[in-house]
Amino acid sequence: MPTYEYECKKCGHRFEKFQQITQAPLKSCPKCHGRLKRLIGTGGGIIFKGSGFYATDYRNKKYHDDKQSAEKACDKTCPSCPLEKDKKSGNKT
């Protein structure tokens, strides 16, 4: 539910109100019953913390198990080995 900010035109009282989007804006100040003006808000901030923001964070357990099995089975002697290329270039897959 969005938070709307209001300011009274009469007394200058500012406050926030949780309202549904479909609700009509408030019209009278809770302090002096003067007319209200709904202010344009900046919106909520987004904070990115921890893992979960990269495609590799969403891969399933089977993918990781298959990758480990391939790394163990590969002798890395073939010139076109993708595992060896990734290690040389510094890419993580």
PDB file of N, CA and C in Angstrom:
ATOM      1  N   MET A   1       0.849  -1.161   0.000  1.00  0.00           N
ATOM      2  CA  MET A   1       0.000   0.000   0.000  1.00  0.00           C
ATOM      3  C   MET A   1       0.904   1.236   0.000  1.00  0.00           C
ATOM      4  N   PRO A   2       0.638   2.175  -0.903  1.00  0.00           N
ATOM      5  CA  PRO A   2       1.494   3.360  -0.989  1.00  0.00           C
ATOM      6  C   PRO A   2       1.306   4.331   0.167  1.00  0.00           C
ATOM      7  N   THR A   3       2.333   5.098   0.400  1.00  0.00           N
ATOM      8  CA  THR A   3       2.310   6.150   1.407  1.00  0.00           C
ATOM      9  C   THR A   3       2.207   7.488   0.684  1.00  0.00           C
ATOM     10  N   TYR A   4       1.224   8.263   1.056  1.00  0.00           N
ATOM     11  CA  TYR A   4       1.042   9.590   0.460  1.00  0.00           C
ATOM     12  C   TYR A   4       1.381  10.652   1.495  1.00  0.00           C
ATOM     13  N   GLU A   5       1.964  11.745   1.030  1.00  0.00           N
ATOM     14  CA  GLU A   5       2.314  12.847   1.917  1.00  0.00           C
ATOM     15  C   GLU A   5       1.359  14.006   1.643  1.00  0.00           C
ATOM     16  N   TYR A   6       0.886  14.602   2.722  1.00  0.00           N
ATOM     17  CA  TYR A   6      -0.050  15.721   2.625  1.00  0.00           C
ATOM     18  C   TYR A   6       0.503  16.929   3.366  1.00  0.00           C
ATOM     19  N   GLU A   7       0.047  18.121   2.912  1.00  0.00           N
ATOM     20  CA  GLU A   7       0.386  19.367   3.595  1.00  0.00           C
ATOM     21  C   GLU A   7      -0.879  20.218   3.667  1.00  0.00           C
ATOM     22  N   CYS A   8      -1.125  20.762   4.851  1.00  0.00           N
ATOM     23  CA  CYS A   8      -2.285  21.626   5.053  1.00  0.00           C
ATOM     24  C   CYS A   8      -1.971  23.016   4.490  1.00  0.00           C
ATOM     25  N   LYS A   9      -2.895  23.554   3.700  1.00  0.00           N
ATOM     26  CA  LYS A   9      -2.708  24.888   3.126  1.00  0.00           C
ATOM     27  C   LYS A   9      -2.911  25.982   4.176  1.00  0.00           C
ATOM     28  N   LYS A  10      -3.639  25.654   5.252  1.00  0.00           N
ATOM     29  CA  LYS A  10      -3.949  26.655   6.276  1.00  0.00           C
ATOM     30  C   LYS A  10      -2.861  26.739   7.357  1.00  0.00           C
ATOM     31  N   CYS A  11      -2.543  25.601   7.973  1.00  0.00           N
ATOM     32  CA  CYS A  11      -1.600  25.621   9.102  1.00  0.00           C
ATOM     33  C   CYS A  11      -0.202  25.095   8.746  1.00  0.00           C
ATOM     34  N   GLY A  12      -0.036  24.499   7.562  1.00  0.00           N
ATOM     35  CA  GLY A  12       1.275  24.006   7.140  1.00  0.00           C
ATOM     36  C   GLY A  12       1.643  22.634   7.701  1.00  0.00           C
ATOM     37  N   HIS A  13       0.723  21.991   8.430  1.00  0.00           N
ATOM     38  CA  HIS A  13       0.981  20.660   9.006  1.00  0.00           C
ATOM     39  C   HIS A  13       1.235  19.660   7.878  1.00  0.00           C
ATOM     40  N   ARG A  14       2.343  18.906   8.012  1.00  0.00           N
ATOM     41  CA  ARG A  14       2.686  17.868   7.026  1.00  0.00           C
ATOM     42  C   ARG A  14       2.614  16.511   7.697  1.00  0.00           C
ATOM     43  N   PHE A  15       2.065  15.541   6.965  1.00  0.00           N
ATOM     44  CA  PHE A  15       1.968  14.185   7.499  1.00  0.00           C
ATOM     45  C   PHE A  15       1.880  13.198   6.350  1.00  0.00           C
ATOM     46  N   GLU A  16       2.098  11.919   6.695  1.00  0.00           N
ATOM     47  CA  GLU A  16       2.012  10.831   5.726  1.00  0.00           C
ATOM     48  C   GLU A  16       0.814   9.966   6.063  1.00  0.00           C
ATOM     49  N   LYS A  17       0.237   9.341   5.039  1.00  0.00           N
ATOM     50  CA  LYS A  17      -0.923   8.481   5.241  1.00  0.00           C
ATOM     51  C   LYS A  17      -0.814   7.277   4.315  1.00  0.00           C
ATOM     52  N   PHE A  18      -0.973   6.068   4.873  1.00  0.00           N
ATOM     53  CA  PHE A  18      -1.039   4.852   4.073  1.00  0.00           C
ATOM     54  C   PHE A  18      -2.437   4.760   3.495  1.00  0.00           C
ATOM     55  N   GLN A  19      -2.535   4.678   2.168  1.00  0.00           N
ATOM     56  CA  GLN A  19      -3.831   4.588   1.504  1.00  0.00           C
ATOM     57  C   GLN A  19      -3.728   3.655   0.312  1.00  0.00           C
ATOM     58  N   GLN A  20      -4.855   3.047  -0.021  1.00  0.00           N
ATOM     59  CA  GLN A  20      -4.909   2.263  -1.238  1.00  0.00           C
ATOM     60  C   GLN A  20      -4.900   3.215  -2.425  1.00  0.00           C
ATOM     61  N   ILE A  21      -4.429   2.725  -3.549  1.00  0.00           N
ATOM     62  CA  ILE A  21      -4.363   3.552  -4.750  1.00  0.00           C
ATOM     63  C   ILE A  21      -5.763   4.008  -5.169  1.00  0.00           C
ATOM     64  N   THR A  22      -6.751   3.169  -4.936  1.00  0.00           N
ATOM     65  CA  THR A  22      -8.118   3.477  -5.367  1.00  0.00           C
ATOM     66  C   THR A  22      -8.834   4.452  -4.439  1.00  0.00           C
ATOM     67  N   GLN A  23      -8.292   4.716  -3.263  1.00  0.00           N
ATOM     68  CA  GLN A  23      -8.932   5.641  -2.328  1.00  0.00           C
ATOM     69  C   GLN A  23      -8.770   7.086  -2.798  1.00  0.00           C
ATOM     70  N   ALA A  24      -9.787   7.886  -2.514  1.00  0.00           N
ATOM     71  CA  ALA A  24      -9.738   9.314  -2.846  1.00  0.00           C
ATOM     72  C   ALA A  24      -8.757  10.018  -1.911  1.00  0.00           C
ATOM     73  N   PRO A  25      -8.113  11.076  -2.381  1.00  0.00           N
ATOM     74  CA  PRO A  25      -7.192  11.828  -1.520  1.00  0.00           C
ATOM     75  C   PRO A  25      -7.936  12.452  -0.339  1.00  0.00           C
ATOM     76  N   LEU A  26      -7.222  12.615   0.779  1.00  0.00           N
ATOM     77  CA  LEU A  26      -7.810  13.277   1.942  1.00  0.00           C
ATOM     78  C   LEU A  26      -8.063  14.743   1.616  1.00  0.00           C
ATOM     79  N   LYS A  27      -9.093  15.313   2.260  1.00  0.00           N
ATOM     80  CA  LYS A  27      -9.459  16.697   1.945  1.00  0.00           C
ATOM     81  C   LYS A  27      -9.277  17.663   3.101  1.00  0.00           C
ATOM     82  N   SER A  28      -9.329  17.173   4.363  1.00  0.00           N
ATOM     83  CA  SER A  28      -9.226  18.110   5.489  1.00  0.00           C
ATOM     84  C   SER A  28      -8.114  17.705   6.443  1.00  0.00           C
ATOM     85  N   CYS A  29      -7.461  18.718   6.995  1.00  0.00           N
ATOM     86  CA  CYS A  29      -6.346  18.547   7.920  1.00  0.00           C
ATOM     87  C   CYS A  29      -6.845  17.956   9.240  1.00  0.00           C
ATOM     88  N   PRO A  30      -6.126  16.964   9.805  1.00  0.00           N
ATOM     89  CA  PRO A  30      -6.544  16.397  11.083  1.00  0.00           C
ATOM     90  C   PRO A  30      -6.369  17.362  12.261  1.00  0.00           C
ATOM     91  N   LYS A  31      -5.551  18.404  12.103  1.00  0.00           N
ATOM     92  CA  LYS A  31      -5.331  19.365  13.187  1.00  0.00           C
ATOM     93  C   LYS A  31      -6.319  20.536  13.138  1.00  0.00           C
ATOM     94  N   CYS A  32      -6.400  21.217  11.975  1.00  0.00           N
ATOM     95  CA  CYS A  32      -7.200  22.447  11.914  1.00  0.00           C
ATOM     96  C   CYS A  32      -8.389  22.341  10.955  1.00  0.00           C
ATOM     97  N   HIS A  33      -8.542  21.218  10.297  1.00  0.00           N
ATOM     98  CA  HIS A  33      -9.616  20.965   9.336  1.00  0.00           C
ATOM     99  C   HIS A  33      -9.542  21.868   8.109  1.00  0.00           C
ATOM    100  N   GLY A  34      -8.350  22.417   7.840  1.00  0.00           N
ATOM    101  CA  GLY A  34      -8.128  23.205   6.634  1.00  0.00           C
ATOM    102  C   GLY A  34      -7.981  22.292   5.418  1.00  0.00           C
ATOM    103  N   ARG A  35      -7.886  22.894   4.243  1.00  0.00           N
ATOM    104  CA  ARG A  35      -7.753  22.125   2.995  1.00  0.00           C
ATOM    105  C   ARG A  35      -6.350  21.540   2.882  1.00  0.00           C
ATOM    106  N   LEU A  36      -6.293  20.320   2.352  1.00  0.00           N
ATOM    107  CA  LEU A  36      -5.016  19.621   2.180  1.00  0.00           C
ATOM    108  C   LEU A  36      -4.569  19.625   0.732  1.00  0.00           C
ATOM    109  N   LYS A  37      -3.276  19.540   0.571  1.00  0.00           N
ATOM    110  CA  LYS A  37      -2.668  19.391  -0.743  1.00  0.00           C
ATOM    111  C   LYS A  37      -1.834  18.113  -0.686  1.00  0.00           C
ATOM    112  N   ARG A  38      -2.089  17.202  -1.626  1.00  0.00           N
ATOM    113  CA  ARG A  38      -1.281  15.971  -1.661  1.00  0.00           C
ATOM    114  C   ARG A  38       0.005  16.274  -2.417  1.00  0.00           C
ATOM    115  N   LEU A  39       1.115  15.959  -1.787  1.00  0.00           N
ATOM    116  CA  LEU A  39       2.436  16.260  -2.349  1.00  0.00           C
ATOM    117  C   LEU A  39       2.932  15.107  -3.206  1.00  0.00           C
ATOM    118  N   ILE A  40       3.809  15.426  -4.113  1.00  0.00           N
ATOM    119  CA  ILE A  40       4.421  14.398  -4.950  1.00  0.00           C
ATOM    120  C   ILE A  40       5.571  13.800  -4.162  1.00  0.00           C
ATOM    121  N   GLY A  41       5.504  12.499  -3.925  1.00  0.00           N
ATOM    122  CA  GLY A  41       6.543  11.824  -3.140  1.00  0.00           C
ATOM    123  C   GLY A  41       7.689  11.352  -4.007  1.00  0.00           C
ATOM    124  N   THR A  42       8.778  11.044  -3.351  1.00  0.00           N
ATOM    125  CA  THR A  42       9.957  10.547  -4.065  1.00  0.00           C
ATOM    126  C   THR A  42       9.910   9.043  -4.261  1.00  0.00           C
ATOM    127  N   GLY A  43       8.996   8.369  -3.605  1.00  0.00           N
ATOM    128  CA  GLY A  43       8.928   6.919  -3.729  1.00  0.00           C
ATOM    129  C   GLY A  43       9.869   6.236  -2.773  1.00  0.00           C
ATOM    130  N   GLY A  44       9.759   4.944  -2.699  1.00  0.00           N
ATOM    131  CA  GLY A  44      10.617   4.174  -1.804  1.00  0.00           C
ATOM    132  C   GLY A  44      11.949   3.877  -2.453  1.00  0.00           C
ATOM    133  N   GLY A  45      12.968   3.822  -1.650  1.00  0.00           N
ATOM    134  CA  GLY A  45      14.293   3.484  -2.146  1.00  0.00           C
ATOM    135  C   GLY A  45      14.463   1.979  -2.239  1.00  0.00           C
ATOM    136  N   ILE A  46      15.299   1.551  -3.136  1.00  0.00           N
ATOM    137  CA  ILE A  46      15.595   0.133  -3.298  1.00  0.00           C
ATOM    138  C   ILE A  46      17.016  -0.096  -2.811  1.00  0.00           C
ATOM    139  N   ILE A  47      17.170  -1.053  -1.940  1.00  0.00           N
ATOM    140  CA  ILE A  47      18.490  -1.372  -1.407  1.00  0.00           C
ATOM    141  C   ILE A  47      18.833  -2.795  -1.826  1.00  0.00           C
ATOM    142  N   PHE A  48      19.943  -2.951  -2.520  1.00  0.00           N
ATOM    143  CA  PHE A  48      20.399  -4.271  -2.942  1.00  0.00           C
ATOM    144  C   PHE A  48      21.437  -4.754  -1.951  1.00  0.00           C
ATOM    145  N   LYS A  49      21.083  -5.817  -1.218  1.00  0.00           N
ATOM    146  CA  LYS A  49      22.012  -6.401  -0.256  1.00  0.00           C
ATOM    147  C   LYS A  49      22.136  -7.895  -0.531  1.00  0.00           C
ATOM    148  N   GLY A  50      23.288  -8.413  -0.321  1.00  0.00           N
ATOM    149  CA  GLY A  50      23.496  -9.855  -0.383  1.00  0.00           C
ATOM    150  C   GLY A  50      23.493 -10.406  -1.791  1.00  0.00           C
ATOM    151  N   SER A  51      23.402 -11.716  -1.879  1.00  0.00           N
ATOM    152  CA  SER A  51      23.416 -12.369  -3.183  1.00  0.00           C
ATOM    153  C   SER A  51      21.999 -12.410  -3.743  1.00  0.00           C
ATOM    154  N   GLY A  52      21.897 -12.837  -4.982  1.00  0.00           N
ATOM    155  CA  GLY A  52      20.592 -12.973  -5.602  1.00  0.00           C
ATOM    156  C   GLY A  52      20.319 -11.984  -6.706  1.00  0.00           C
ATOM    157  N   PHE A  53      21.353 -11.254  -7.158  1.00  0.00           N
ATOM    158  CA  PHE A  53      21.127 -10.249  -8.178  1.00  0.00           C
ATOM    159  C   PHE A  53      21.830 -10.572  -9.494  1.00  0.00           C
ATOM    160  N   TYR A  54      22.380 -11.749  -9.610  1.00  0.00           N
ATOM    161  CA  TYR A  54      23.043 -12.146 -10.831  1.00  0.00           C
ATOM    162  C   TYR A  54      22.434 -13.447 -11.320  1.00  0.00           C
ATOM    163  N   ALA A  55      22.502 -13.694 -12.618  1.00  0.00           N
ATOM    164  CA  ALA A  55      21.917 -14.901 -13.199  1.00  0.00           C
ATOM    165  C   ALA A  55      22.497 -16.159 -12.557  1.00  0.00           C
ATOM    166  N   THR A  56      23.768 -16.121 -12.214  1.00  0.00           N
ATOM    167  CA  THR A  56      24.402 -17.301 -11.632  1.00  0.00           C
ATOM    168  C   THR A  56      23.883 -17.597 -10.225  1.00  0.00           C
ATOM    169  N   ASP A  57      23.332 -16.602  -9.547  1.00  0.00           N
ATOM    170  CA  ASP A  57      22.789 -16.832  -8.210  1.00  0.00           C
ATOM    171  C   ASP A  57      21.484 -17.612  -8.246  1.00  0.00           C
ATOM    172  N   TYR A  58      20.825 -17.632  -9.403  1.00  0.00           N
ATOM    173  CA  TYR A  58      19.531 -18.298  -9.510  1.00  0.00           C
ATOM    174  C   TYR A  58      19.633 -19.691 -10.114  1.00  0.00           C
ATOM    175  N   ARG A  59      20.814 -20.106 -10.484  1.00  0.00           N
ATOM    176  CA  ARG A  59      20.947 -21.436 -11.077  1.00  0.00           C
ATOM    177  C   ARG A  59      20.647 -22.498 -10.033  1.00  0.00           C
ATOM    178  N   ASN A  60      20.101 -23.611 -10.524  1.00  0.00           N
ATOM    179  CA  ASN A  60      19.681 -24.667  -9.597  1.00  0.00           C
ATOM    180  C   ASN A  60      20.858 -25.542  -9.156  1.00  0.00           C
ATOM    181  N   LYS A  61      20.600 -26.372  -8.176  1.00  0.00           N
ATOM    182  CA  LYS A  61      21.632 -27.235  -7.595  1.00  0.00           C
ATOM    183  C   LYS A  61      22.164 -28.226  -8.629  1.00  0.00           C
ATOM    184  N   LYS A  62      21.312 -28.728  -9.514  1.00  0.00           N
ATOM    185  CA  LYS A  62      21.738 -29.689 -10.535  1.00  0.00           C
ATOM    186  C   LYS A  62      22.813 -29.076 -11.436  1.00  0.00           C
ATOM    187  N   TYR A  63      22.655 -27.805 -11.802  1.00  0.00           N
ATOM    188  CA  TYR A  63      23.648 -27.135 -12.634  1.00  0.00           C
ATOM    189  C   TYR A  63      25.015 -27.140 -11.951  1.00  0.00           C
ATOM    190  N   HIS A  64      25.038 -26.782 -10.678  1.00  0.00           N
ATOM    191  CA  HIS A  64      26.304 -26.726  -9.945  1.00  0.00           C
ATOM    192  C   HIS A  64      26.919 -28.118  -9.770  1.00  0.00           C
ATOM    193  N   ASP A  65      26.068 -29.135  -9.511  1.00  0.00           N
ATOM    194  CA  ASP A  65      26.564 -30.504  -9.381  1.00  0.00           C
ATOM    195  C   ASP A  65      27.149 -31.002 -10.701  1.00  0.00           C
ATOM    196  N   ASP A  66      26.466 -30.723 -11.826  1.00  0.00           N
ATOM    197  CA  ASP A  66      26.963 -31.135 -13.141  1.00  0.00           C
ATOM    198  C   ASP A  66      28.287 -30.450 -13.466  1.00  0.00           C
ATOM    199  N   LYS A  67      28.408 -29.190 -13.112  1.00  0.00           N
ATOM    200  CA  LYS A  67      29.643 -28.450 -13.383  1.00  0.00           C
ATOM    201  C   LYS A  67      30.812 -29.041 -12.597  1.00  0.00           C
ATOM    202  N   GLN A  68      30.579 -29.370 -11.326  1.00  0.00           N
ATOM    203  CA  GLN A  68      31.636 -29.960 -10.510  1.00  0.00           C
ATOM    204  C   GLN A  68      32.042 -31.322 -11.045  1.00  0.00           C
ATOM    205  N   SER A  69      31.064 -32.104 -11.501  1.00  0.00           N
ATOM    206  CA  SER A  69      31.376 -33.424 -12.072  1.00  0.00           C
ATOM    207  C   SER A  69      32.214 -33.266 -13.334  1.00  0.00           C
ATOM    208  N   ALA A  70      31.874 -32.301 -14.174  1.00  0.00           N
ATOM    209  CA  ALA A  70      32.619 -32.077 -15.407  1.00  0.00           C
ATOM    210  C   ALA A  70      34.042 -31.627 -15.102  1.00  0.00           C
ATOM    211  N   GLU A  71      34.208 -30.792 -14.105  1.00  0.00           N
ATOM    212  CA  GLU A  71      35.549 -30.326 -13.744  1.00  0.00           C
ATOM    213  C   GLU A  71      36.409 -31.469 -13.215  1.00  0.00           C
ATOM    214  N   LYS A  72      35.809 -32.368 -12.457  1.00  0.00           N
ATOM    215  CA  LYS A  72      36.569 -33.502 -11.919  1.00  0.00           C
ATOM    216  C   LYS A  72      36.950 -34.487 -13.022  1.00  0.00           C
ATOM    217  N   ALA A  73      36.042 -34.698 -14.002  1.00  0.00           N
ATOM    218  CA  ALA A  73      36.274 -35.673 -15.057  1.00  0.00           C
ATOM    219  C   ALA A  73      37.200 -35.147 -16.149  1.00  0.00           C
ATOM    220  N   CYS A  74      37.297 -33.855 -16.306  1.00  0.00           N
ATOM    221  CA  CYS A  74      38.089 -33.264 -17.387  1.00  0.00           C
ATOM    222  C   CYS A  74      39.575 -33.309 -17.035  1.00  0.00           C
ATOM    223  N   ASP A  75      40.387 -33.769 -18.003  1.00  0.00           N
ATOM    224  CA  ASP A  75      41.831 -33.768 -17.761  1.00  0.00           C
ATOM    225  C   ASP A  75      42.486 -32.486 -18.273  1.00  0.00           C
ATOM    226  N   LYS A  76      41.717 -31.613 -18.917  1.00  0.00           N
ATOM    227  CA  LYS A  76      42.145 -30.289 -19.383  1.00  0.00           C
ATOM    228  C   LYS A  76      43.329 -30.349 -20.351  1.00  0.00           C
ATOM    229  N   THR A  77      43.459 -31.451 -21.061  1.00  0.00           N
ATOM    230  CA  THR A  77      44.547 -31.558 -22.029  1.00  0.00           C
ATOM    231  C   THR A  77      44.102 -31.179 -23.425  1.00  0.00           C
ATOM    232  N   CYS A  78      42.808 -31.138 -23.658  1.00  0.00           N
ATOM    233  CA  CYS A  78      42.348 -30.775 -24.998  1.00  0.00           C
ATOM    234  C   CYS A  78      42.498 -29.264 -25.199  1.00  0.00           C
ATOM    235  N   PRO A  79      42.957 -28.839 -26.391  1.00  0.00           N
ATOM    236  CA  PRO A  79      43.185 -27.408 -26.613  1.00  0.00           C
ATOM    237  C   PRO A  79      41.901 -26.567 -26.597  1.00  0.00           C
ATOM    238  N   SER A  80      40.769 -27.200 -26.846  1.00  0.00           N
ATOM    239  CA  SER A  80      39.513 -26.446 -26.881  1.00  0.00           C
ATOM    240  C   SER A  80      38.718 -26.609 -25.586  1.00  0.00           C
ATOM    241  N   CYS A  81      39.378 -26.980 -24.498  1.00  0.00           N
ATOM    242  CA  CYS A  81      38.694 -27.206 -23.222  1.00  0.00           C
ATOM    243  C   CYS A  81      38.107 -25.883 -22.701  1.00  0.00           C
ATOM    244  N   PRO A  82      36.766 -25.789 -22.550  1.00  0.00           N
ATOM    245  CA  PRO A  82      36.165 -24.543 -22.065  1.00  0.00           C
ATOM    246  C   PRO A  82      36.544 -24.244 -20.617  1.00  0.00           C
ATOM    247  N   LEU A  83      36.794 -25.266 -19.823  1.00  0.00           N
ATOM    248  CA  LEU A  83      37.171 -25.032 -18.430  1.00  0.00           C
ATOM    249  C   LEU A  83      38.548 -24.381 -18.344  1.00  0.00           C
ATOM    250  N   GLU A  84      39.466 -24.820 -19.203  1.00  0.00           N
ATOM    251  CA  GLU A  84      40.812 -24.257 -19.195  1.00  0.00           C
ATOM    252  C   GLU A  84      40.806 -22.822 -19.721  1.00  0.00           C
ATOM    253  N   LYS A  85      39.980 -22.564 -20.748  1.00  0.00           N
ATOM    254  CA  LYS A  85      39.887 -21.208 -21.301  1.00  0.00           C
ATOM    255  C   LYS A  85      39.359 -20.236 -20.251  1.00  0.00           C
ATOM    256  N   ASP A  86      38.361 -20.656 -19.489  1.00  0.00           N
ATOM    257  CA  ASP A  86      37.781 -19.793 -18.476  1.00  0.00           C
ATOM    258  C   ASP A  86      38.801 -19.456 -17.382  1.00  0.00           C
ATOM    259  N   LYS A  87      39.628 -20.415 -17.027  1.00  0.00           N
ATOM    260  CA  LYS A  87      40.623 -20.166 -15.993  1.00  0.00           C
ATOM    261  C   LYS A  87      41.688 -19.185 -16.484  1.00  0.00           C
ATOM    262  N   LYS A  88      42.088 -19.302 -17.776  1.00  0.00           N
ATOM    263  CA  LYS A  88      43.096 -18.402 -18.326  1.00  0.00           C
ATOM    264  C   LYS A  88      42.565 -16.984 -18.437  1.00  0.00           C
ATOM    265  N   SER A  89      41.293 -16.855 -18.850  1.00  0.00           N
ATOM    266  CA  SER A  89      40.721 -15.508 -19.052  1.00  0.00           C
ATOM    267  C   SER A  89      40.229 -14.887 -17.746  1.00  0.00           C
ATOM    268  N   GLY A  90      40.097 -15.703 -16.717  1.00  0.00           N
ATOM    269  CA  GLY A  90      39.626 -15.166 -15.433  1.00  0.00           C
ATOM    270  C   GLY A  90      38.117 -15.158 -15.304  1.00  0.00           C
ATOM    271  N   ASN A  91      37.389 -15.684 -16.287  1.00  0.00           N
ATOM    272  CA  ASN A  91      35.938 -15.736 -16.229  1.00  0.00           C
ATOM    273  C   ASN A  91      35.473 -16.807 -15.265  1.00  0.00           C
ATOM    274  N   LYS A  92      34.402 -16.520 -14.562  1.00  0.00           N
ATOM    275  CA  LYS A  92      33.790 -17.519 -13.689  1.00  0.00           C
ATOM    276  C   LYS A  92      32.497 -17.971 -14.336  1.00  0.00           C
ATOM    277  N   THR A  93      32.333 -19.285 -14.470  1.00  0.00           N
ATOM    278  CA  THR A  93      31.074 -19.802 -15.034  1.00  0.00           C
ATOM    279  C   THR A  93      30.310 -20.568 -14.033  1.00  0.00           C
TER     280      THR A  93
END
